[in-house]
PDB file of N, CA and C in Angstrom:
ATOM      1  N   MET A   1      11.773 -27.253  12.633  1.00  0.00           N
ATOM      2  CA  MET A   1      10.911 -28.298  12.121  1.00  0.00           C
ATOM      3  C   MET A   1      10.990 -29.514  13.049  1.00  0.00           C
ATOM      4  N   THR A   2       9.875 -30.145  13.311  1.00  0.00           N
ATOM      5  CA  THR A   2       9.813 -31.297  14.201  1.00  0.00           C
ATOM      6  C   THR A   2      10.227 -32.562  13.469  1.00  0.00           C
ATOM      7  N   LYS A   3      11.029 -33.381  14.142  1.00  0.00           N
ATOM      8  CA  LYS A   3      11.460 -34.649  13.555  1.00  0.00           C
ATOM      9  C   LYS A   3      10.299 -35.640  13.546  1.00  0.00           C
ATOM     10  N   PRO A   4      10.206 -36.512  12.533  1.00  0.00           N
ATOM     11  CA  PRO A   4       9.128 -37.507  12.483  1.00  0.00           C
ATOM     12  C   PRO A   4       9.077 -38.395  13.720  1.00  0.00           C
ATOM     13  N   GLU A   5      10.236 -38.734  14.290  1.00  0.00           N
ATOM     14  CA  GLU A   5      10.256 -39.578  15.484  1.00  0.00           C
ATOM     15  C   GLU A   5       9.549 -38.891  16.639  1.00  0.00           C
ATOM     16  N   THR A   6       9.718 -37.564  16.736  1.00  0.00           N
ATOM     17  CA  THR A   6       9.084 -36.811  17.811  1.00  0.00           C
ATOM     18  C   THR A   6       7.573 -36.798  17.634  1.00  0.00           C
ATOM     19  N   LEU A   7       7.094 -36.607  16.417  1.00  0.00           N
ATOM     20  CA  LEU A   7       5.660 -36.605  16.164  1.00  0.00           C
ATOM     21  C   LEU A   7       5.038 -37.948  16.520  1.00  0.00           C
ATOM     22  N   ALA A   8       5.688 -39.030  16.136  1.00  0.00           N
ATOM     23  CA  ALA A   8       5.172 -40.363  16.437  1.00  0.00           C
ATOM     24  C   ALA A   8       5.116 -40.596  17.933  1.00  0.00           C
ATOM     25  N   ALA A   9       6.098 -40.116  18.649  1.00  0.00           N
ATOM     26  CA  ALA A   9       6.136 -40.315  20.101  1.00  0.00           C
ATOM     27  C   ALA A   9       5.055 -39.517  20.804  1.00  0.00           C
ATOM     28  N   GLU A  10       4.631 -38.393  20.220  1.00  0.00           N
ATOM     29  CA  GLU A  10       3.626 -37.542  20.848  1.00  0.00           C
ATOM     30  C   GLU A  10       2.204 -38.031  20.626  1.00  0.00           C
ATOM     31  N   ARG A  11       1.989 -38.844  19.586  1.00  0.00           N
ATOM     32  CA  ARG A  11       0.652 -39.364  19.303  1.00  0.00           C
ATOM     33  C   ARG A  11       0.314 -40.502  20.249  1.00  0.00           C
ATOM     34  N   PRO A  12      -0.935 -40.570  20.680  1.00  0.00           N
ATOM     35  CA  PRO A  12      -1.313 -41.706  21.531  1.00  0.00           C
ATOM     36  C   PRO A  12      -1.269 -43.013  20.748  1.00  0.00           C
ATOM     37  N   ALA A  13      -0.888 -44.063  21.417  1.00  0.00           N
ATOM     38  CA  ALA A  13      -0.827 -45.381  20.773  1.00  0.00           C
ATOM     39  C   ALA A  13      -2.235 -45.890  20.526  1.00  0.00           C
ATOM     40  N   VAL A  14      -2.436 -46.523  19.386  1.00  0.00           N
ATOM     41  CA  VAL A  14      -3.715 -47.136  19.041  1.00  0.00           C
ATOM     42  C   VAL A  14      -3.526 -48.645  19.125  1.00  0.00           C
ATOM     43  N   THR A  15      -4.372 -49.290  19.887  1.00  0.00           N
ATOM     44  CA  THR A  15      -4.248 -50.734  20.033  1.00  0.00           C
ATOM     45  C   THR A  15      -4.860 -51.430  18.819  1.00  0.00           C
ATOM     46  N   MET A  16      -4.507 -52.698  18.636  1.00  0.00           N
ATOM     47  CA  MET A  16      -5.077 -53.484  17.541  1.00  0.00           C
ATOM     48  C   MET A  16      -6.593 -53.578  17.706  1.00  0.00           C
ATOM     49  N   GLN A  17      -7.071 -53.728  18.928  1.00  0.00           N
ATOM     50  CA  GLN A  17      -8.520 -53.824  19.162  1.00  0.00           C
ATOM     51  C   GLN A  17      -9.216 -52.536  18.739  1.00  0.00           C
ATOM     52  N   GLN A  18      -8.613 -51.397  19.013  1.00  0.00           N
ATOM     53  CA  GLN A  18      -9.199 -50.126  18.593  1.00  0.00           C
ATOM     54  C   GLN A  18      -9.261 -50.038  17.072  1.00  0.00           C
ATOM     55  N   LEU A  19      -8.229 -50.525  16.395  1.00  0.00           N
ATOM     56  CA  LEU A  19      -8.258 -50.533  14.936  1.00  0.00           C
ATOM     57  C   LEU A  19      -9.367 -51.432  14.414  1.00  0.00           C
ATOM     58  N   PHE A  20      -9.554 -52.599  15.027  1.00  0.00           N
ATOM     59  CA  PHE A  20     -10.611 -53.519  14.608  1.00  0.00           C
ATOM     60  C   PHE A  20     -11.991 -52.906  14.802  1.00  0.00           C
ATOM     61  N   ASN A  21     -12.143 -52.066  15.825  1.00  0.00           N
ATOM     62  CA  ASN A  21     -13.450 -51.508  16.151  1.00  0.00           C
ATOM     63  C   ASN A  21     -13.833 -50.308  15.289  1.00  0.00           C
ATOM     64  N   ILE A  22     -12.888 -49.787  14.503  1.00  0.00           N
ATOM     65  CA  ILE A  22     -13.205 -48.644  13.641  1.00  0.00           C
ATOM     66  C   ILE A  22     -14.287 -49.065  12.658  1.00  0.00           C
ATOM     67  N   GLY A  23     -15.357 -48.333  12.632  1.00  0.00           N
ATOM     68  CA  GLY A  23     -16.439 -48.620  11.706  1.00  0.00           C
ATOM     69  C   GLY A  23     -17.383 -49.715  12.151  1.00  0.00           C
ATOM     70  N   LEU A  24     -17.172 -50.268  13.331  1.00  0.00           N
ATOM     71  CA  LEU A  24     -17.985 -51.391  13.786  1.00  0.00           C
ATOM     72  C   LEU A  24     -19.477 -51.076  13.749  1.00  0.00           C
ATOM     73  N   ALA A  25     -19.851 -49.875  14.123  1.00  0.00           N
ATOM     74  CA  ALA A  25     -21.271 -49.515  14.148  1.00  0.00           C
ATOM     75  C   ALA A  25     -21.749 -48.872  12.856  1.00  0.00           C
ATOM     76  N   ASP A  26     -20.843 -48.719  11.870  1.00  0.00           N
ATOM     77  CA  ASP A  26     -21.205 -47.976  10.669  1.00  0.00           C
ATOM     78  C   ASP A  26     -21.066 -48.749   9.362  1.00  0.00           C
ATOM     79  N   VAL A  27     -20.236 -49.776   9.340  1.00  0.00           N
ATOM     80  CA  VAL A  27     -19.887 -50.445   8.091  1.00  0.00           C
ATOM     81  C   VAL A  27     -20.262 -51.924   8.148  1.00  0.00           C
ATOM     82  N   ALA A  28     -20.729 -52.446   7.019  1.00  0.00           N
ATOM     83  CA  ALA A  28     -20.978 -53.881   6.877  1.00  0.00           C
ATOM     84  C   ALA A  28     -20.324 -54.327   5.576  1.00  0.00           C
ATOM     85  N   TYR A  29     -19.768 -55.516   5.581  1.00  0.00           N
ATOM     86  CA  TYR A  29     -19.098 -56.050   4.404  1.00  0.00           C
ATOM     87  C   TYR A  29     -19.953 -57.138   3.769  1.00  0.00           C
ATOM     88  N   VAL A  30     -20.095 -57.083   2.461  1.00  0.00           N
ATOM     89  CA  VAL A  30     -20.845 -58.088   1.711  1.00  0.00           C
ATOM     90  C   VAL A  30     -19.831 -58.934   0.950  1.00  0.00           C
ATOM     91  N   LYS A  31     -19.863 -60.225   1.203  1.00  0.00           N
ATOM     92  CA  LYS A  31     -18.881 -61.143   0.622  1.00  0.00           C
ATOM     93  C   LYS A  31     -19.604 -62.302  -0.050  1.00  0.00           C
ATOM     94  N   THR A  32     -19.136 -62.687  -1.223  1.00  0.00           N
ATOM     95  CA  THR A  32     -19.697 -63.842  -1.917  1.00  0.00           C
ATOM     96  C   THR A  32     -19.226 -65.114  -1.222  1.00  0.00           C
ATOM     97  N   VAL A  33     -20.168 -66.024  -0.943  1.00  0.00           N
ATOM     98  CA  VAL A  33     -19.847 -67.302  -0.299  1.00  0.00           C
ATOM     99  C   VAL A  33     -20.594 -68.421  -1.010  1.00  0.00           C
ATOM    100  N   ARG A  34     -20.140 -69.649  -0.790  1.00  0.00           N
ATOM    101  CA  ARG A  34     -20.835 -70.828  -1.322  1.00  0.00           C
ATOM    102  C   ARG A  34     -21.805 -71.315  -0.255  1.00  0.00           C
ATOM    103  N   ALA A  35     -23.016 -71.612  -0.679  1.00  0.00           N
ATOM    104  CA  ALA A  35     -24.030 -72.125   0.249  1.00  0.00           C
ATOM    105  C   ALA A  35     -24.841 -73.196  -0.461  1.00  0.00           C
ATOM    106  N   GLU A  36     -24.695 -74.431  -0.035  1.00  0.00           N
ATOM    107  CA  GLU A  36     -25.454 -75.548  -0.600  1.00  0.00           C
ATOM    108  C   GLU A  36     -25.389 -75.571  -2.130  1.00  0.00           C
ATOM    109  N   ASN A  37     -24.186 -75.616  -2.665  1.00  0.00           N
ATOM    110  CA  ASN A  37     -23.939 -75.689  -4.111  1.00  0.00           C
ATOM    111  C   ASN A  37     -24.449 -74.494  -4.909  1.00  0.00           C
ATOM    112  N   SER A  38     -24.595 -73.367  -4.255  1.00  0.00           N
ATOM    113  CA  SER A  38     -24.990 -72.154  -4.968  1.00  0.00           C
ATOM    114  C   SER A  38     -24.238 -70.959  -4.373  1.00  0.00           C
ATOM    115  N   ARG A  39     -24.371 -69.847  -5.016  1.00  0.00           N
ATOM    116  CA  ARG A  39     -23.733 -68.622  -4.542  1.00  0.00           C
ATOM    117  C   ARG A  39     -24.672 -67.890  -3.602  1.00  0.00           C
ATOM    118  N   ALA A  40     -24.126 -67.356  -2.515  1.00  0.00           N
ATOM    119  CA  ALA A  40     -24.887 -66.534  -1.582  1.00  0.00           C
ATOM    120  C   ALA A  40     -24.032 -65.311  -1.244  1.00  0.00           C
ATOM    121  N   TYR A  41     -24.620 -64.377  -0.560  1.00  0.00           N
ATOM    122  CA  TYR A  41     -23.930 -63.153  -0.181  1.00  0.00           C
ATOM    123  C   TYR A  41     -24.046 -63.003   1.326  1.00  0.00           C
ATOM    124  N   ALA A  42     -22.900 -63.087   1.993  1.00  0.00           N
ATOM    125  CA  ALA A  42     -22.870 -62.986   3.449  1.00  0.00           C
ATOM    126  C   ALA A  42     -22.623 -61.544   3.849  1.00  0.00           C
ATOM    127  N   LEU A  43     -23.375 -61.089   4.819  1.00  0.00           N
ATOM    128  CA  LEU A  43     -23.230 -59.750   5.369  1.00  0.00           C
ATOM    129  C   LEU A  43     -22.454 -59.891   6.672  1.00  0.00           C
ATOM    130  N   HIS A  44     -21.314 -59.196   6.771  1.00  0.00           N
ATOM    131  CA  HIS A  44     -20.444 -59.279   7.936  1.00  0.00           C
ATOM    132  C   HIS A  44     -20.321 -57.912   8.598  1.00  0.00           C
ATOM    133  N   SER A  45     -20.221 -57.913   9.926  1.00  0.00           N
ATOM    134  CA  SER A  45     -19.932 -56.667  10.635  1.00  0.00           C
ATOM    135  C   SER A  45     -18.462 -56.335  10.422  1.00  0.00           C
ATOM    136  N   ALA A  46     -18.051 -55.148  10.830  1.00  0.00           N
ATOM    137  CA  ALA A  46     -16.675 -54.706  10.622  1.00  0.00           C
ATOM    138  C   ALA A  46     -15.663 -55.587  11.339  1.00  0.00           C
ATOM    139  N   ASP A  47     -16.076 -56.279  12.390  1.00  0.00           N
ATOM    140  CA  ASP A  47     -15.139 -57.160  13.100  1.00  0.00           C
ATOM    141  C   ASP A  47     -15.084 -58.566  12.504  1.00  0.00           C
ATOM    142  N   GLY A  48     -15.832 -58.799  11.407  1.00  0.00           N
ATOM    143  CA  GLY A  48     -15.798 -60.077  10.714  1.00  0.00           C
ATOM    144  C   GLY A  48     -16.902 -61.048  11.085  1.00  0.00           C
ATOM    145  N   THR A  49     -17.741 -60.698  12.038  1.00  0.00           N
ATOM    146  CA  THR A  49     -18.849 -61.556  12.442  1.00  0.00           C
ATOM    147  C   THR A  49     -19.905 -61.607  11.349  1.00  0.00           C
ATOM    148  N   GLU A  50     -20.280 -62.822  10.932  1.00  0.00           N
ATOM    149  CA  GLU A  50     -21.333 -62.941   9.921  1.00  0.00           C
ATOM    150  C   GLU A  50     -22.670 -62.593  10.553  1.00  0.00           C
ATOM    151  N   ILE A  51     -23.390 -61.698   9.888  1.00  0.00           N
ATOM    152  CA  ILE A  51     -24.688 -61.242  10.385  1.00  0.00           C
ATOM    153  C   ILE A  51     -25.816 -62.034   9.740  1.00  0.00           C
ATOM    154  N   ALA A  52     -25.741 -62.197   8.414  1.00  0.00           N
ATOM    155  CA  ALA A  52     -26.810 -62.889   7.679  1.00  0.00           C
ATOM    156  C   ALA A  52     -26.307 -63.290   6.305  1.00  0.00           C
ATOM    157  N   ARG A  53     -27.080 -64.161   5.641  1.00  0.00           N
ATOM    158  CA  ARG A  53     -26.800 -64.557   4.254  1.00  0.00           C
ATOM    159  C   ARG A  53     -28.026 -64.289   3.403  1.00  0.00           C
ATOM    160  N   PHE A  54     -27.748 -63.906   2.154  1.00  0.00           N
ATOM    161  CA  PHE A  54     -28.819 -63.591   1.217  1.00  0.00           C
ATOM    162  C   PHE A  54     -28.521 -64.251  -0.118  1.00  0.00           C
ATOM    163  N   ALA A  55     -29.567 -64.586  -0.847  1.00  0.00           N
ATOM    164  CA  ALA A  55     -29.406 -65.182  -2.166  1.00  0.00           C
ATOM    165  C   ALA A  55     -29.061 -64.131  -3.218  1.00  0.00           C
ATOM    166  N   ASP A  56     -29.348 -62.870  -2.934  1.00  0.00           N
ATOM    167  CA  ASP A  56     -29.170 -61.786  -3.895  1.00  0.00           C
ATOM    168  C   ASP A  56     -28.291 -60.685  -3.296  1.00  0.00           C
ATOM    169  N   ARG A  57     -27.312 -60.240  -4.074  1.00  0.00           N
ATOM    170  CA  ARG A  57     -26.384 -59.203  -3.600  1.00  0.00           C
ATOM    171  C   ARG A  57     -27.108 -57.895  -3.301  1.00  0.00           C
ATOM    172  N   ASP A  58     -28.017 -57.495  -4.169  1.00  0.00           N
ATOM    173  CA  ASP A  58     -28.752 -56.244  -3.963  1.00  0.00           C
ATOM    174  C   ASP A  58     -29.574 -56.282  -2.681  1.00  0.00           C
ATOM    175  N   VAL A  59     -30.121 -57.433  -2.362  1.00  0.00           N
ATOM    176  CA  VAL A  59     -30.899 -57.577  -1.127  1.00  0.00           C
ATOM    177  C   VAL A  59     -29.969 -57.446   0.081  1.00  0.00           C
ATOM    178  N   ALA A  60     -28.768 -58.004  -0.015  1.00  0.00           N
ATOM    179  CA  ALA A  60     -27.793 -57.879   1.079  1.00  0.00           C
ATOM    180  C   ALA A  60     -27.438 -56.411   1.309  1.00  0.00           C
ATOM    181  N   PHE A  61     -27.229 -55.672   0.222  1.00  0.00           N
ATOM    182  CA  PHE A  61     -26.923 -54.246   0.351  1.00  0.00           C
ATOM    183  C   PHE A  61     -28.116 -53.476   0.939  1.00  0.00           C
ATOM    184  N   ALA A  62     -29.312 -53.797   0.474  1.00  0.00           N
ATOM    185  CA  ALA A  62     -30.510 -53.116   0.982  1.00  0.00           C
ATOM    186  C   ALA A  62     -30.726 -53.405   2.465  1.00  0.00           C
ATOM    187  N   ALA A  63     -30.526 -54.647   2.866  1.00  0.00           N
ATOM    188  CA  ALA A  63     -30.692 -55.013   4.277  1.00  0.00           C
ATOM    189  C   ALA A  63     -29.683 -54.269   5.144  1.00  0.00           C
ATOM    190  N   SER A  64     -28.475 -54.137   4.644  1.00  0.00           N
ATOM    191  CA  SER A  64     -27.452 -53.393   5.371  1.00  0.00           C
ATOM    192  C   SER A  64     -27.884 -51.945   5.587  1.00  0.00           C
ATOM    193  N   ARG A  65     -28.356 -51.330   4.517  1.00  0.00           N
ATOM    194  CA  ARG A  65     -28.774 -49.921   4.616  1.00  0.00           C
ATOM    195  C   ARG A  65     -29.998 -49.750   5.506  1.00  0.00           C
ATOM    196  N   GLN A  66     -30.894 -50.732   5.516  1.00  0.00           N
ATOM    197  CA  GLN A  66     -32.077 -50.651   6.382  1.00  0.00           C
ATOM    198  C   GLN A  66     -31.687 -50.622   7.855  1.00  0.00           C
ATOM    199  N   HIS A  67     -30.516 -51.154   8.159  1.00  0.00           N
ATOM    200  CA  HIS A  67     -30.036 -51.183   9.543  1.00  0.00           C
ATOM    201  C   HIS A  67     -28.954 -50.134   9.780  1.00  0.00           C
ATOM    202  N   ASP A  68     -28.982 -49.085   8.956  1.00  0.00           N
ATOM    203  CA  ASP A  68     -28.074 -47.943   9.082  1.00  0.00           C
ATOM    204  C   ASP A  68     -26.600 -48.314   9.031  1.00  0.00           C
ATOM    205  N   LEU A  69     -26.281 -49.335   8.218  1.00  0.00           N
ATOM    206  CA  LEU A  69     -24.897 -49.731   7.982  1.00  0.00           C
ATOM    207  C   LEU A  69     -24.547 -49.420   6.532  1.00  0.00           C
ATOM    208  N   GLU A  70     -23.361 -48.946   6.298  1.00  0.00           N
ATOM    209  CA  GLU A  70     -22.907 -48.671   4.941  1.00  0.00           C
ATOM    210  C   GLU A  70     -22.271 -49.943   4.373  1.00  0.00           C
ATOM    211  N   PRO A  71     -22.887 -50.535   3.348  1.00  0.00           N
ATOM    212  CA  PRO A  71     -22.334 -51.773   2.790  1.00  0.00           C
ATOM    213  C   PRO A  71     -21.109 -51.517   1.918  1.00  0.00           C
ATOM    214  N   VAL A  72     -20.151 -52.440   2.029  1.00  0.00           N
ATOM    215  CA  VAL A  72     -18.926 -52.388   1.242  1.00  0.00           C
ATOM    216  C   VAL A  72     -18.667 -53.796   0.731  1.00  0.00           C
ATOM    217  N   SER A  73     -18.288 -53.923  -0.538  1.00  0.00           N
ATOM    218  CA  SER A  73     -17.966 -55.241  -1.076  1.00  0.00           C
ATOM    219  C   SER A  73     -16.628 -55.713  -0.534  1.00  0.00           C
ATOM    220  N   ALA A  74     -16.567 -56.980  -0.163  1.00  0.00           N
ATOM    221  CA  ALA A  74     -15.323 -57.609   0.273  1.00  0.00           C
ATOM    222  C   ALA A  74     -15.042 -58.773  -0.660  1.00  0.00           C
ATOM    223  N   HIS A  75     -13.803 -58.932  -1.042  1.00  0.00           N
ATOM    224  CA  HIS A  75     -13.453 -59.998  -1.982  1.00  0.00           C
ATOM    225  C   HIS A  75     -12.585 -61.019  -1.304  1.00  0.00           C
TER     226      HIS A  75
END
């Protein structure tokens, strides 16, 4: 049986940047934000860059899907 230390040593190292880039082209995060004394929904790319803001959560999800991104709620 292989020791866990040996398995870890045999796997290629994954950099932090590679971890951040996972899902970059596939996932968008929808987060509730404050905008001019009201609630808005910000659409963010997987790396945290804000893409757009919407007044309605459903519209934010629909816009994400229209651009072939899978929306995920972020809290």
